Amino acid sequence: MSFVLQCHELTKQLKDLLEGQEERDSKIESIEVLLSKREQLLPSITPPYSLEEQRMGREIVLWNKQIDQKLAGLKIDIKRDMNGVNKTKTTVQKYTNPYESVQTDGMFYDKRN
């Protein structure tokens, strides 16, 4: 099996995984495994390429653009969830101790003679 074909298969698996409706944590773990396998395989791909390998290479490049977009969307979803968790933590903390962040600026003492 040629390295281009192996890379094509890994890229297809990665694309299909990102399009699937799996749980996010298991999806991220699978993505990391596939990306590391593909990363190890890429230096092994060297010219000359047959016509079939050139076709697969063009398909890989096209899929990579789609994969990048889906990974960016996944990153945005994760950031949104993290911001929501941080906001919830702050709200809970303010609820349990409402006088923790009271500012003391503007205090003065009225001195009567």
PDB file of N, CA and C in Angstrom:
ATOM      1  N   MET A   1       0.845  -1.180   0.000  1.00  0.00           N
ATOM      2  CA  MET A   1       0.000   0.000   0.000  1.00  0.00           C
ATOM      3  C   MET A   1       0.888   1.241   0.000  1.00  0.00           C
ATOM      4  N   SER A   2       0.632   2.139  -0.925  1.00  0.00           N
ATOM      5  CA  SER A   2       1.469   3.331  -1.029  1.00  0.00           C
ATOM      6  C   SER A   2       1.151   4.303   0.110  1.00  0.00           C
ATOM      7  N   PHE A   3       2.110   5.167   0.370  1.00  0.00           N
ATOM      8  CA  PHE A   3       1.949   6.145   1.452  1.00  0.00           C
ATOM      9  C   PHE A   3       0.840   7.150   1.123  1.00  0.00           C
ATOM     10  N   VAL A   4       0.702   7.471  -0.146  1.00  0.00           N
ATOM     11  CA  VAL A   4      -0.347   8.412  -0.560  1.00  0.00           C
ATOM     12  C   VAL A   4      -1.716   7.794  -0.283  1.00  0.00           C
ATOM     13  N   LEU A   5      -1.860   6.512  -0.577  1.00  0.00           N
ATOM     14  CA  LEU A   5      -3.123   5.823  -0.331  1.00  0.00           C
ATOM     15  C   LEU A   5      -3.424   5.766   1.170  1.00  0.00           C
ATOM     16  N   GLN A   6      -2.407   5.496   1.979  1.00  0.00           N
ATOM     17  CA  GLN A   6      -2.596   5.467   3.436  1.00  0.00           C
ATOM     18  C   GLN A   6      -3.012   6.853   3.949  1.00  0.00           C
ATOM     19  N   CYS A   7      -2.361   7.885   3.452  1.00  0.00           N
ATOM     20  CA  CYS A   7      -2.697   9.253   3.849  1.00  0.00           C
ATOM     21  C   CYS A   7      -4.116   9.599   3.405  1.00  0.00           C
ATOM     22  N   HIS A   8      -4.496   9.156   2.223  1.00  0.00           N
ATOM     23  CA  HIS A   8      -5.844   9.378   1.704  1.00  0.00           C
ATOM     24  C   HIS A   8      -6.876   8.725   2.621  1.00  0.00           C
ATOM     25  N   GLU A   9      -6.613   7.506   3.029  1.00  0.00           N
ATOM     26  CA  GLU A   9      -7.537   6.786   3.915  1.00  0.00           C
ATOM     27  C   GLU A   9      -7.654   7.477   5.276  1.00  0.00           C
ATOM     28  N   LEU A  10      -6.530   7.896   5.843  1.00  0.00           N
ATOM     29  CA  LEU A  10      -6.556   8.577   7.141  1.00  0.00           C
ATOM     30  C   LEU A  10      -7.303   9.911   7.045  1.00  0.00           C
ATOM     31  N   THR A  11      -7.099  10.628   5.955  1.00  0.00           N
ATOM     32  CA  THR A  11      -7.778  11.909   5.765  1.00  0.00           C
ATOM     33  C   THR A  11      -9.278  11.694   5.607  1.00  0.00           C
ATOM     34  N   LYS A  12      -9.656  10.649   4.892  1.00  0.00           N
ATOM     35  CA  LYS A  12     -11.086  10.337   4.730  1.00  0.00           C
ATOM     36  C   LYS A  12     -11.702   9.979   6.079  1.00  0.00           C
ATOM     37  N   GLN A  13     -11.004   9.187   6.887  1.00  0.00           N
ATOM     38  CA  GLN A  13     -11.508   8.834   8.214  1.00  0.00           C
ATOM     39  C   GLN A  13     -11.678  10.089   9.073  1.00  0.00           C
ATOM     40  N   LEU A  14     -10.713  10.978   8.990  1.00  0.00           N
ATOM     41  CA  LEU A  14     -10.759  12.223   9.756  1.00  0.00           C
ATOM     42  C   LEU A  14     -11.941  13.084   9.323  1.00  0.00           C
ATOM     43  N   LYS A  15     -12.152  13.202   8.024  1.00  0.00           N
ATOM     44  CA  LYS A  15     -13.272  13.975   7.490  1.00  0.00           C
ATOM     45  C   LYS A  15     -14.599  13.373   7.926  1.00  0.00           C
ATOM     46  N   ASP A  16     -14.726  12.052   7.817  1.00  0.00           N
ATOM     47  CA  ASP A  16     -15.964  11.379   8.222  1.00  0.00           C
ATOM     48  C   ASP A  16     -16.213  11.530   9.717  1.00  0.00           C
ATOM     49  N   LEU A  17     -15.158  11.468  10.495  1.00  0.00           N
ATOM     50  CA  LEU A  17     -15.285  11.617  11.941  1.00  0.00           C
ATOM     51  C   LEU A  17     -15.796  13.001  12.307  1.00  0.00           C
ATOM     52  N   LEU A  18     -15.278  14.031  11.644  1.00  0.00           N
ATOM     53  CA  LEU A  18     -15.710  15.398  11.933  1.00  0.00           C
ATOM     54  C   LEU A  18     -17.146  15.658  11.482  1.00  0.00           C
ATOM     55  N   GLU A  19     -17.603  14.941  10.489  1.00  0.00           N
ATOM     56  CA  GLU A  19     -18.973  15.115  10.015  1.00  0.00           C
ATOM     57  C   GLU A  19     -19.966  14.319  10.853  1.00  0.00           C
ATOM     58  N   GLY A  20     -19.481  13.355  11.630  1.00  0.00           N
ATOM     59  CA  GLY A  20     -20.350  12.513  12.440  1.00  0.00           C
ATOM     60  C   GLY A  20     -20.904  13.224  13.664  1.00  0.00           C
ATOM     61  N   GLN A  21     -21.828  12.567  14.337  1.00  0.00           N
ATOM     62  CA  GLN A  21     -22.488  13.132  15.512  1.00  0.00           C
ATOM     63  C   GLN A  21     -22.059  12.394  16.778  1.00  0.00           C
ATOM     64  N   GLU A  22     -20.772  12.232  16.963  1.00  0.00           N
ATOM     65  CA  GLU A  22     -20.230  11.558  18.139  1.00  0.00           C
ATOM     66  C   GLU A  22     -20.155  12.512  19.312  1.00  0.00           C
ATOM     67  N   GLU A  23     -19.952  11.950  20.495  1.00  0.00           N
ATOM     68  CA  GLU A  23     -19.718  12.777  21.673  1.00  0.00           C
ATOM     69  C   GLU A  23     -18.404  13.525  21.478  1.00  0.00           C
ATOM     70  N   ARG A  24     -18.362  14.776  21.915  1.00  0.00           N
ATOM     71  CA  ARG A  24     -17.228  15.644  21.602  1.00  0.00           C
ATOM     72  C   ARG A  24     -15.925  15.138  22.198  1.00  0.00           C
ATOM     73  N   ASP A  25     -15.929  14.636  23.426  1.00  0.00           N
ATOM     74  CA  ASP A  25     -14.681  14.192  24.042  1.00  0.00           C
ATOM     75  C   ASP A  25     -14.072  13.007  23.300  1.00  0.00           C
ATOM     76  N   SER A  26     -14.893  12.029  22.961  1.00  0.00           N
ATOM     77  CA  SER A  26     -14.363  10.872  22.228  1.00  0.00           C
ATOM     78  C   SER A  26     -13.952  11.275  20.814  1.00  0.00           C
ATOM     79  N   LYS A  27     -14.674  12.241  20.236  1.00  0.00           N
ATOM     80  CA  LYS A  27     -14.328  12.728  18.898  1.00  0.00           C
ATOM     81  C   LYS A  27     -12.954  13.389  18.918  1.00  0.00           C
ATOM     82  N   ILE A  28     -12.679  14.183  19.940  1.00  0.00           N
ATOM     83  CA  ILE A  28     -11.394  14.874  20.041  1.00  0.00           C
ATOM     84  C   ILE A  28     -10.258  13.871  20.196  1.00  0.00           C
ATOM     85  N   GLU A  29     -10.469  12.844  21.007  1.00  0.00           N
ATOM     86  CA  GLU A  29      -9.432  11.813  21.176  1.00  0.00           C
ATOM     87  C   GLU A  29      -9.150  11.107  19.849  1.00  0.00           C
ATOM     88  N   SER A  30     -10.204  10.763  19.132  1.00  0.00           N
ATOM     89  CA  SER A  30     -10.024  10.096  17.833  1.00  0.00           C
ATOM     90  C   SER A  30      -9.330  11.007  16.830  1.00  0.00           C
ATOM     91  N   ILE A  31      -9.668  12.285  16.854  1.00  0.00           N
ATOM     92  CA  ILE A  31      -9.033  13.254  15.955  1.00  0.00           C
ATOM     93  C   ILE A  31      -7.540  13.322  16.243  1.00  0.00           C
ATOM     94  N   GLU A  32      -7.177  13.372  17.520  1.00  0.00           N
ATOM     95  CA  GLU A  32      -5.759  13.442  17.881  1.00  0.00           C
ATOM     96  C   GLU A  32      -5.003  12.217  17.390  1.00  0.00           C
ATOM     97  N   VAL A  33      -5.603  11.033  17.515  1.00  0.00           N
ATOM     98  CA  VAL A  33      -4.949   9.804  17.060  1.00  0.00           C
ATOM     99  C   VAL A  33      -4.750   9.831  15.548  1.00  0.00           C
ATOM    100  N   LEU A  34      -5.802  10.194  14.820  1.00  0.00           N
ATOM    101  CA  LEU A  34      -5.696  10.220  13.360  1.00  0.00           C
ATOM    102  C   LEU A  34      -4.698  11.273  12.885  1.00  0.00           C
ATOM    103  N   LEU A  35      -4.698  12.429  13.515  1.00  0.00           N
ATOM    104  CA  LEU A  35      -3.746  13.476  13.115  1.00  0.00           C
ATOM    105  C   LEU A  35      -2.303  13.064  13.383  1.00  0.00           C
ATOM    106  N   SER A  36      -2.064  12.392  14.508  1.00  0.00           N
ATOM    107  CA  SER A  36      -0.691  11.961  14.800  1.00  0.00           C
ATOM    108  C   SER A  36      -0.236  10.883  13.823  1.00  0.00           C
ATOM    109  N   LYS A  37      -1.127   9.965  13.455  1.00  0.00           N
ATOM    110  CA  LYS A  37      -0.773   8.936  12.458  1.00  0.00           C
ATOM    111  C   LYS A  37      -0.441   9.593  11.122  1.00  0.00           C
ATOM    112  N   ARG A  38      -1.283  10.555  10.745  1.00  0.00           N
ATOM    113  CA  ARG A  38      -1.073  11.225   9.455  1.00  0.00           C
ATOM    114  C   ARG A  38       0.202  12.049   9.467  1.00  0.00           C
ATOM    115  N   GLU A  39       0.486  12.670  10.608  1.00  0.00           N
ATOM    116  CA  GLU A  39       1.708  13.470  10.726  1.00  0.00           C
ATOM    117  C   GLU A  39       2.954  12.603  10.558  1.00  0.00           C
ATOM    118  N   GLN A  40       2.927  11.398  11.098  1.00  0.00           N
ATOM    119  CA  GLN A  40       4.064  10.484  10.958  1.00  0.00           C
ATOM    120  C   GLN A  40       4.200   9.990   9.526  1.00  0.00           C
ATOM    121  N   LEU A  41       3.078   9.904   8.823  1.00  0.00           N
ATOM    122  CA  LEU A  41       3.075   9.366   7.465  1.00  0.00           C
ATOM    123  C   LEU A  41       3.509  10.397   6.413  1.00  0.00           C
ATOM    124  N   LEU A  42       3.237  11.671   6.641  1.00  0.00           N
ATOM    125  CA  LEU A  42       3.495  12.701   5.627  1.00  0.00           C
ATOM    126  C   LEU A  42       4.947  12.796   5.158  1.00  0.00           C
ATOM    127  N   PRO A  43       5.961  12.689   6.034  1.00  0.00           N
ATOM    128  CA  PRO A  43       7.335  12.762   5.514  1.00  0.00           C
ATOM    129  C   PRO A  43       7.710  11.614   4.575  1.00  0.00           C
ATOM    130  N   SER A  44       6.973  10.520   4.632  1.00  0.00           N
ATOM    131  CA  SER A  44       7.267   9.366   3.781  1.00  0.00           C
ATOM    132  C   SER A  44       6.770   9.543   2.352  1.00  0.00           C
ATOM    133  N   ILE A  45       5.923  10.506   2.125  1.00  0.00           N
ATOM    134  CA  ILE A  45       5.357  10.724   0.792  1.00  0.00           C
ATOM    135  C   ILE A  45       6.353  11.537  -0.037  1.00  0.00           C
ATOM    136  N   THR A  46       6.895  10.897  -1.079  1.00  0.00           N
ATOM    137  CA  THR A  46       7.879  11.556  -1.940  1.00  0.00           C
ATOM    138  C   THR A  46       7.531  11.312  -3.404  1.00  0.00           C
ATOM    139  N   PRO A  47       7.878  12.251  -4.286  1.00  0.00           N
ATOM    140  CA  PRO A  47       7.623  12.064  -5.713  1.00  0.00           C
ATOM    141  C   PRO A  47       8.531  10.981  -6.290  1.00  0.00           C
ATOM    142  N   PRO A  48       8.315  10.491  -7.422  1.00  0.00           N
ATOM    143  CA  PRO A  48       7.306  10.794  -8.434  1.00  0.00           C
ATOM    144  C   PRO A  48       5.966  10.131  -8.085  1.00  0.00           C
ATOM    145  N   TYR A  49       4.892  10.770  -8.540  1.00  0.00           N
ATOM    146  CA  TYR A  49       3.550  10.291  -8.256  1.00  0.00           C
ATOM    147  C   TYR A  49       2.897   9.778  -9.531  1.00  0.00           C
ATOM    148  N   SER A  50       2.125   8.710  -9.370  1.00  0.00           N
ATOM    149  CA  SER A  50       1.350   8.217 -10.510  1.00  0.00           C
ATOM    150  C   SER A  50       0.129   9.111 -10.686  1.00  0.00           C
ATOM    151  N   LEU A  51      -0.599   8.904 -11.759  1.00  0.00           N
ATOM    152  CA  LEU A  51      -1.797   9.711 -12.003  1.00  0.00           C
ATOM    153  C   LEU A  51      -2.830   9.500 -10.902  1.00  0.00           C
ATOM    154  N   GLU A  52      -2.969   8.291 -10.444  1.00  0.00           N
ATOM    155  CA  GLU A  52      -3.919   7.980  -9.370  1.00  0.00           C
ATOM    156  C   GLU A  52      -3.497   8.666  -8.064  1.00  0.00           C
ATOM    157  N   GLU A  53      -2.204   8.668  -7.787  1.00  0.00           N
ATOM    158  CA  GLU A  53      -1.712   9.338  -6.580  1.00  0.00           C
ATOM    159  C   GLU A  53      -1.904  10.854  -6.673  1.00  0.00           C
ATOM    160  N   GLN A  54      -1.751  11.424  -7.854  1.00  0.00           N
ATOM    161  CA  GLN A  54      -1.998  12.856  -8.038  1.00  0.00           C
ATOM    162  C   GLN A  54      -3.471  13.187  -7.794  1.00  0.00           C
ATOM    163  N   ARG A  55      -4.357  12.320  -8.281  1.00  0.00           N
ATOM    164  CA  ARG A  55      -5.788  12.526  -8.061  1.00  0.00           C
ATOM    165  C   ARG A  55      -6.115  12.463  -6.571  1.00  0.00           C
ATOM    166  N   MET A  56      -5.540  11.477  -5.886  1.00  0.00           N
ATOM    167  CA  MET A  56      -5.765  11.352  -4.442  1.00  0.00           C
ATOM    168  C   MET A  56      -5.192  12.556  -3.694  1.00  0.00           C
ATOM    169  N   GLY A  57      -4.061  13.076  -4.158  1.00  0.00           N
ATOM    170  CA  GLY A  57      -3.451  14.242  -3.532  1.00  0.00           C
ATOM    171  C   GLY A  57      -4.341  15.470  -3.641  1.00  0.00           C
ATOM    172  N   ARG A  58      -4.943  15.661  -4.813  1.00  0.00           N
ATOM    173  CA  ARG A  58      -5.867  16.789  -4.975  1.00  0.00           C
ATOM    174  C   ARG A  58      -7.088  16.631  -4.065  1.00  0.00           C
ATOM    175  N   GLU A  59      -7.546  15.402  -3.944  1.00  0.00           N
ATOM    176  CA  GLU A  59      -8.690  15.128  -3.072  1.00  0.00           C
ATOM    177  C   GLU A  59      -8.329  15.376  -1.598  1.00  0.00           C
ATOM    178  N   ILE A  60      -7.123  15.002  -1.214  1.00  0.00           N
ATOM    179  CA  ILE A  60      -6.650  15.235   0.151  1.00  0.00           C
ATOM    180  C   ILE A  60      -6.604  16.731   0.449  1.00  0.00           C
ATOM    181  N   VAL A  61      -6.096  17.520  -0.498  1.00  0.00           N
ATOM    182  CA  VAL A  61      -6.014  18.975  -0.313  1.00  0.00           C
ATOM    183  C   VAL A  61      -7.412  19.562  -0.149  1.00  0.00           C
ATOM    184  N   LEU A  62      -8.362  19.109  -0.950  1.00  0.00           N
ATOM    185  CA  LEU A  62      -9.734  19.578  -0.849  1.00  0.00           C
ATOM    186  C   LEU A  62     -10.337  19.209   0.510  1.00  0.00           C
ATOM    187  N   TRP A  63     -10.116  17.980   0.928  1.00  0.00           N
ATOM    188  CA  TRP A  63     -10.633  17.526   2.223  1.00  0.00           C
ATOM    189  C   TRP A  63      -9.985  18.293   3.372  1.00  0.00           C
ATOM    190  N   ASN A  64      -8.702  18.625   3.228  1.00  0.00           N
ATOM    191  CA  ASN A  64      -8.013  19.368   4.295  1.00  0.00           C
ATOM    192  C   ASN A  64      -8.671  20.723   4.544  1.00  0.00           C
ATOM    193  N   LYS A  65      -9.124  21.380   3.482  1.00  0.00           N
ATOM    194  CA  LYS A  65      -9.815  22.656   3.645  1.00  0.00           C
ATOM    195  C   LYS A  65     -11.100  22.469   4.451  1.00  0.00           C
ATOM    196  N   GLN A  66     -11.846  21.405   4.140  1.00  0.00           N
ATOM    197  CA  GLN A  66     -13.080  21.116   4.873  1.00  0.00           C
ATOM    198  C   GLN A  66     -12.779  20.748   6.324  1.00  0.00           C
ATOM    199  N   ILE A  67     -11.724  19.981   6.523  1.00  0.00           N
ATOM    200  CA  ILE A  67     -11.329  19.566   7.878  1.00  0.00           C
ATOM    201  C   ILE A  67     -10.937  20.785   8.700  1.00  0.00           C
ATOM    202  N   ASP A  68     -10.173  21.705   8.092  1.00  0.00           N
ATOM    203  CA  ASP A  68      -9.773  22.919   8.801  1.00  0.00           C
ATOM    204  C   ASP A  68     -10.988  23.730   9.242  1.00  0.00           C
ATOM    205  N   GLN A  69     -11.979  23.853   8.376  1.00  0.00           N
ATOM    206  CA  GLN A  69     -13.185  24.599   8.726  1.00  0.00           C
ATOM    207  C   GLN A  69     -13.931  23.932   9.881  1.00  0.00           C
ATOM    208  N   LYS A  70     -14.035  22.615   9.843  1.00  0.00           N
ATOM    209  CA  LYS A  70     -14.754  21.899  10.898  1.00  0.00           C
ATOM    210  C   LYS A  70     -13.989  21.963  12.218  1.00  0.00           C
ATOM    211  N   LEU A  71     -12.666  21.891  12.158  1.00  0.00           N
ATOM    212  CA  LEU A  71     -11.869  22.006  13.375  1.00  0.00           C
ATOM    213  C   LEU A  71     -11.981  23.412  13.968  1.00  0.00           C
ATOM    214  N   ALA A  72     -12.034  24.429  13.116  1.00  0.00           N
ATOM    215  CA  ALA A  72     -12.211  25.800  13.612  1.00  0.00           C
ATOM    216  C   ALA A  72     -13.574  25.949  14.286  1.00  0.00           C
ATOM    217  N   GLY A  73     -14.598  25.349  13.707  1.00  0.00           N
ATOM    218  CA  GLY A  73     -15.927  25.378  14.321  1.00  0.00           C
ATOM    219  C   GLY A  73     -15.947  24.661  15.658  1.00  0.00           C
ATOM    220  N   LEU A  74     -15.240  23.540  15.738  1.00  0.00           N
ATOM    221  CA  LEU A  74     -15.147  22.795  16.997  1.00  0.00           C
ATOM    222  C   LEU A  74     -14.425  23.617  18.048  1.00  0.00           C
ATOM    223  N   LYS A  75     -13.393  24.323  17.634  1.00  0.00           N
ATOM    224  CA  LYS A  75     -12.643  25.179  18.566  1.00  0.00           C
ATOM    225  C   LYS A  75     -13.533  26.300  19.102  1.00  0.00           C
ATOM    226  N   ILE A  76     -14.338  26.884  18.237  1.00  0.00           N
ATOM    227  CA  ILE A  76     -15.252  27.948  18.656  1.00  0.00           C
ATOM    228  C   ILE A  76     -16.276  27.407  19.652  1.00  0.00           C
ATOM    229  N   ASP A  77     -16.797  26.208  19.391  1.00  0.00           N
ATOM    230  CA  ASP A  77     -17.757  25.604  20.317  1.00  0.00           C
ATOM    231  C   ASP A  77     -17.131  25.369  21.687  1.00  0.00           C
ATOM    232  N   ILE A  78     -15.898  24.906  21.696  1.00  0.00           N
ATOM    233  CA  ILE A  78     -15.208  24.643  22.961  1.00  0.00           C
ATOM    234  C   ILE A  78     -14.975  25.952  23.707  1.00  0.00           C
ATOM    235  N   LYS A  79     -14.548  27.004  22.993  1.00  0.00           N
ATOM    236  CA  LYS A  79     -14.343  28.310  23.633  1.00  0.00           C
ATOM    237  C   LYS A  79     -15.650  28.832  24.229  1.00  0.00           C
ATOM    238  N   ARG A  80     -16.741  28.684  23.492  1.00  0.00           N
ATOM    239  CA  ARG A  80     -18.039  29.155  23.961  1.00  0.00           C
ATOM    240  C   ARG A  80     -18.433  28.414  25.242  1.00  0.00           C
ATOM    241  N   ASP A  81     -18.227  27.110  25.263  1.00  0.00           N
ATOM    242  CA  ASP A  81     -18.546  26.333  26.460  1.00  0.00           C
ATOM    243  C   ASP A  81     -17.663  26.730  27.639  1.00  0.00           C
ATOM    244  N   MET A  82     -16.383  26.975  27.375  1.00  0.00           N
ATOM    245  CA  MET A  82     -15.479  27.373  28.455  1.00  0.00           C
ATOM    246  C   MET A  82     -15.875  28.736  29.019  1.00  0.00           C
ATOM    247  N   ASN A  83     -16.255  29.674  28.146  1.00  0.00           N
ATOM    248  CA  ASN A  83     -16.708  30.985  28.615  1.00  0.00           C
ATOM    249  C   ASN A  83     -17.980  30.853  29.443  1.00  0.00           C
ATOM    250  N   GLY A  84     -18.876  29.961  29.038  1.00  0.00           N
ATOM    251  CA  GLY A  84     -20.100  29.727  29.793  1.00  0.00           C
ATOM    252  C   GLY A  84     -19.815  29.165  31.171  1.00  0.00           C
ATOM    253  N   VAL A  85     -18.849  28.244  31.248  1.00  0.00           N
ATOM    254  CA  VAL A  85     -18.477  27.664  32.535  1.00  0.00           C
ATOM    255  C   VAL A  85     -17.860  28.729  33.437  1.00  0.00           C
ATOM    256  N   ASN A  86     -16.990  29.553  32.885  1.00  0.00           N
ATOM    257  CA  ASN A  86     -16.366  30.615  33.682  1.00  0.00           C
ATOM    258  C   ASN A  86     -17.406  31.614  34.176  1.00  0.00           C
ATOM    259  N   LYS A  87     -18.356  31.951  33.326  1.00  0.00           N
ATOM    260  CA  LYS A  87     -19.411  32.885  33.724  1.00  0.00           C
ATOM    261  C   LYS A  87     -20.272  32.269  34.834  1.00  0.00           C
ATOM    262  N   THR A  88     -20.555  30.975  34.726  1.00  0.00           N
ATOM    263  CA  THR A  88     -21.340  30.293  35.746  1.00  0.00           C
ATOM    264  C   THR A  88     -20.592  30.275  37.072  1.00  0.00           C
ATOM    265  N   LYS A  89     -19.286  30.011  37.027  1.00  0.00           N
ATOM    266  CA  LYS A  89     -18.485  30.023  38.255  1.00  0.00           C
ATOM    267  C   LYS A  89     -18.552  31.388  38.930  1.00  0.00           C
ATOM    268  N   THR A  90     -18.404  32.434  38.155  1.00  0.00           N
ATOM    269  CA  THR A  90     -18.436  33.790  38.702  1.00  0.00           C
ATOM    270  C   THR A  90     -19.799  34.095  39.315  1.00  0.00           C
ATOM    271  N   THR A  91     -20.849  33.708  38.620  1.00  0.00           N
ATOM    272  CA  THR A  91     -22.199  33.963  39.117  1.00  0.00           C
ATOM    273  C   THR A  91     -22.450  33.210  40.419  1.00  0.00           C
ATOM    274  N   VAL A  92     -22.038  31.964  40.486  1.00  0.00           N
ATOM    275  CA  VAL A  92     -22.222  31.169  41.700  1.00  0.00           C
ATOM    276  C   VAL A  92     -21.420  31.769  42.849  1.00  0.00           C
ATOM    277  N   GLN A  93     -20.213  32.202  42.563  1.00  0.00           N
ATOM    278  CA  GLN A  93     -19.373  32.786  43.603  1.00  0.00           C
ATOM    279  C   GLN A  93     -19.991  34.077  44.127  1.00  0.00           C
ATOM    280  N   LYS A  94     -20.533  34.899  43.247  1.00  0.00           N
ATOM    281  CA  LYS A  94     -21.176  36.139  43.684  1.00  0.00           C
ATOM    282  C   LYS A  94     -22.443  35.852  44.484  1.00  0.00           C
ATOM    283  N   TYR A  95     -23.121  34.785  44.147  1.00  0.00           N
ATOM    284  CA  TYR A  95     -24.334  34.429  44.862  1.00  0.00           C
ATOM    285  C   TYR A  95     -24.021  33.932  46.271  1.00  0.00           C
ATOM    286  N   THR A  96     -22.970  33.111  46.409  1.00  0.00           N
ATOM    287  CA  THR A  96     -22.637  32.565  47.720  1.00  0.00           C
ATOM    288  C   THR A  96     -22.004  33.605  48.631  1.00  0.00           C
ATOM    289  N   ASN A  97     -21.280  34.576  48.076  1.00  0.00           N
ATOM    290  CA  ASN A  97     -20.647  35.606  48.887  1.00  0.00           C
ATOM    291  C   ASN A  97     -20.836  36.955  48.199  1.00  0.00           C
ATOM    292  N   PRO A  98     -22.002  37.571  48.362  1.00  0.00           N
ATOM    293  CA  PRO A  98     -22.291  38.787  47.596  1.00  0.00           C
ATOM    294  C   PRO A  98     -21.480  40.004  48.018  1.00  0.00           C
ATOM    295  N   TYR A  99     -20.907  40.006  49.210  1.00  0.00           N
ATOM    296  CA  TYR A  99     -20.177  41.182  49.684  1.00  0.00           C
ATOM    297  C   TYR A  99     -18.670  41.054  49.503  1.00  0.00           C
ATOM    298  N   GLU A 100     -18.245  40.030  48.780  1.00  0.00           N
ATOM    299  CA  GLU A 100     -16.810  39.808  48.587  1.00  0.00           C
ATOM    300  C   GLU A 100     -16.179  40.907  47.744  1.00  0.00           C
ATOM    301  N   SER A 101     -16.859  41.364  46.750  1.00  0.00           N
ATOM    302  CA  SER A 101     -16.252  42.323  45.832  1.00  0.00           C
ATOM    303  C   SER A 101     -16.801  43.732  46.013  1.00  0.00           C
ATOM    304  N   VAL A 102     -17.223  44.066  47.216  1.00  0.00           N
ATOM    305  CA  VAL A 102     -17.718  45.411  47.472  1.00  0.00           C
ATOM    306  C   VAL A 102     -16.536  46.359  47.501  1.00  0.00           C
ATOM    307  N   GLN A 103     -16.637  47.449  46.758  1.00  0.00           N
ATOM    308  CA  GLN A 103     -15.541  48.401  46.687  1.00  0.00           C
ATOM    309  C   GLN A 103     -15.635  49.383  47.854  1.00  0.00           C
ATOM    310  N   THR A 104     -14.481  49.765  48.349  1.00  0.00           N
ATOM    311  CA  THR A 104     -14.448  50.677  49.488  1.00  0.00           C
ATOM    312  C   THR A 104     -14.017  52.077  49.076  1.00  0.00           C
ATOM    313  N   ASP A 105     -13.924  52.341  47.802  1.00  0.00           N
ATOM    314  CA  ASP A 105     -13.569  53.681  47.344  1.00  0.00           C
ATOM    315  C   ASP A 105     -14.693  54.664  47.682  1.00  0.00           C
ATOM    316  N   GLY A 106     -14.332  55.896  47.925  1.00  0.00           N
ATOM    317  CA  GLY A 106     -15.321  56.922  48.166  1.00  0.00           C
ATOM    318  C   GLY A 106     -15.743  57.046  49.619  1.00  0.00           C
ATOM    319  N   MET A 107     -15.093  56.314  50.493  1.00  0.00           N
ATOM    320  CA  MET A 107     -15.444  56.434  51.914  1.00  0.00           C
ATOM    321  C   MET A 107     -14.825  57.711  52.466  1.00  0.00           C
ATOM    322  N   PHE A 108     -15.530  58.344  53.376  1.00  0.00           N
ATOM    323  CA  PHE A 108     -14.974  59.530  54.014  1.00  0.00           C
ATOM    324  C   PHE A 108     -15.454  59.566  55.464  1.00  0.00           C
ATOM    325  N   TYR A 109     -14.728  60.284  56.224  1.00  0.00           N
ATOM    326  CA  TYR A 109     -15.088  60.455  57.637  1.00  0.00           C
ATOM    327  C   TYR A 109     -15.530  61.895  57.843  1.00  0.00           C
ATOM    328  N   ASP A 110     -16.640  62.021  58.484  1.00  0.00           N
ATOM    329  CA  ASP A 110     -17.168  63.368  58.783  1.00  0.00           C
ATOM    330  C   ASP A 110     -16.652  63.771  60.149  1.00  0.00           C
ATOM    331  N   LYS A 111     -15.799  64.740  60.143  1.00  0.00           N
ATOM    332  CA  LYS A 111     -15.171  65.169  61.399  1.00  0.00           C
ATOM    333  C   LYS A 111     -15.873  66.433  61.873  1.00  0.00           C
ATOM    334  N   ARG A 112     -16.460  66.356  63.040  1.00  0.00           N
ATOM    335  CA  ARG A 112     -17.129  67.524  63.600  1.00  0.00           C
ATOM    336  C   ARG A 112     -16.244  68.155  64.668  1.00  0.00           C
ATOM    337  N   ASN A 113     -16.180  69.445  64.648  1.00  0.00           N
ATOM    338  CA  ASN A 113     -15.350  70.157  65.624  1.00  0.00           C
ATOM    339  C   ASN A 113     -16.115  70.519  66.833  1.00  0.00           C
TER     340      ASN A 113
END
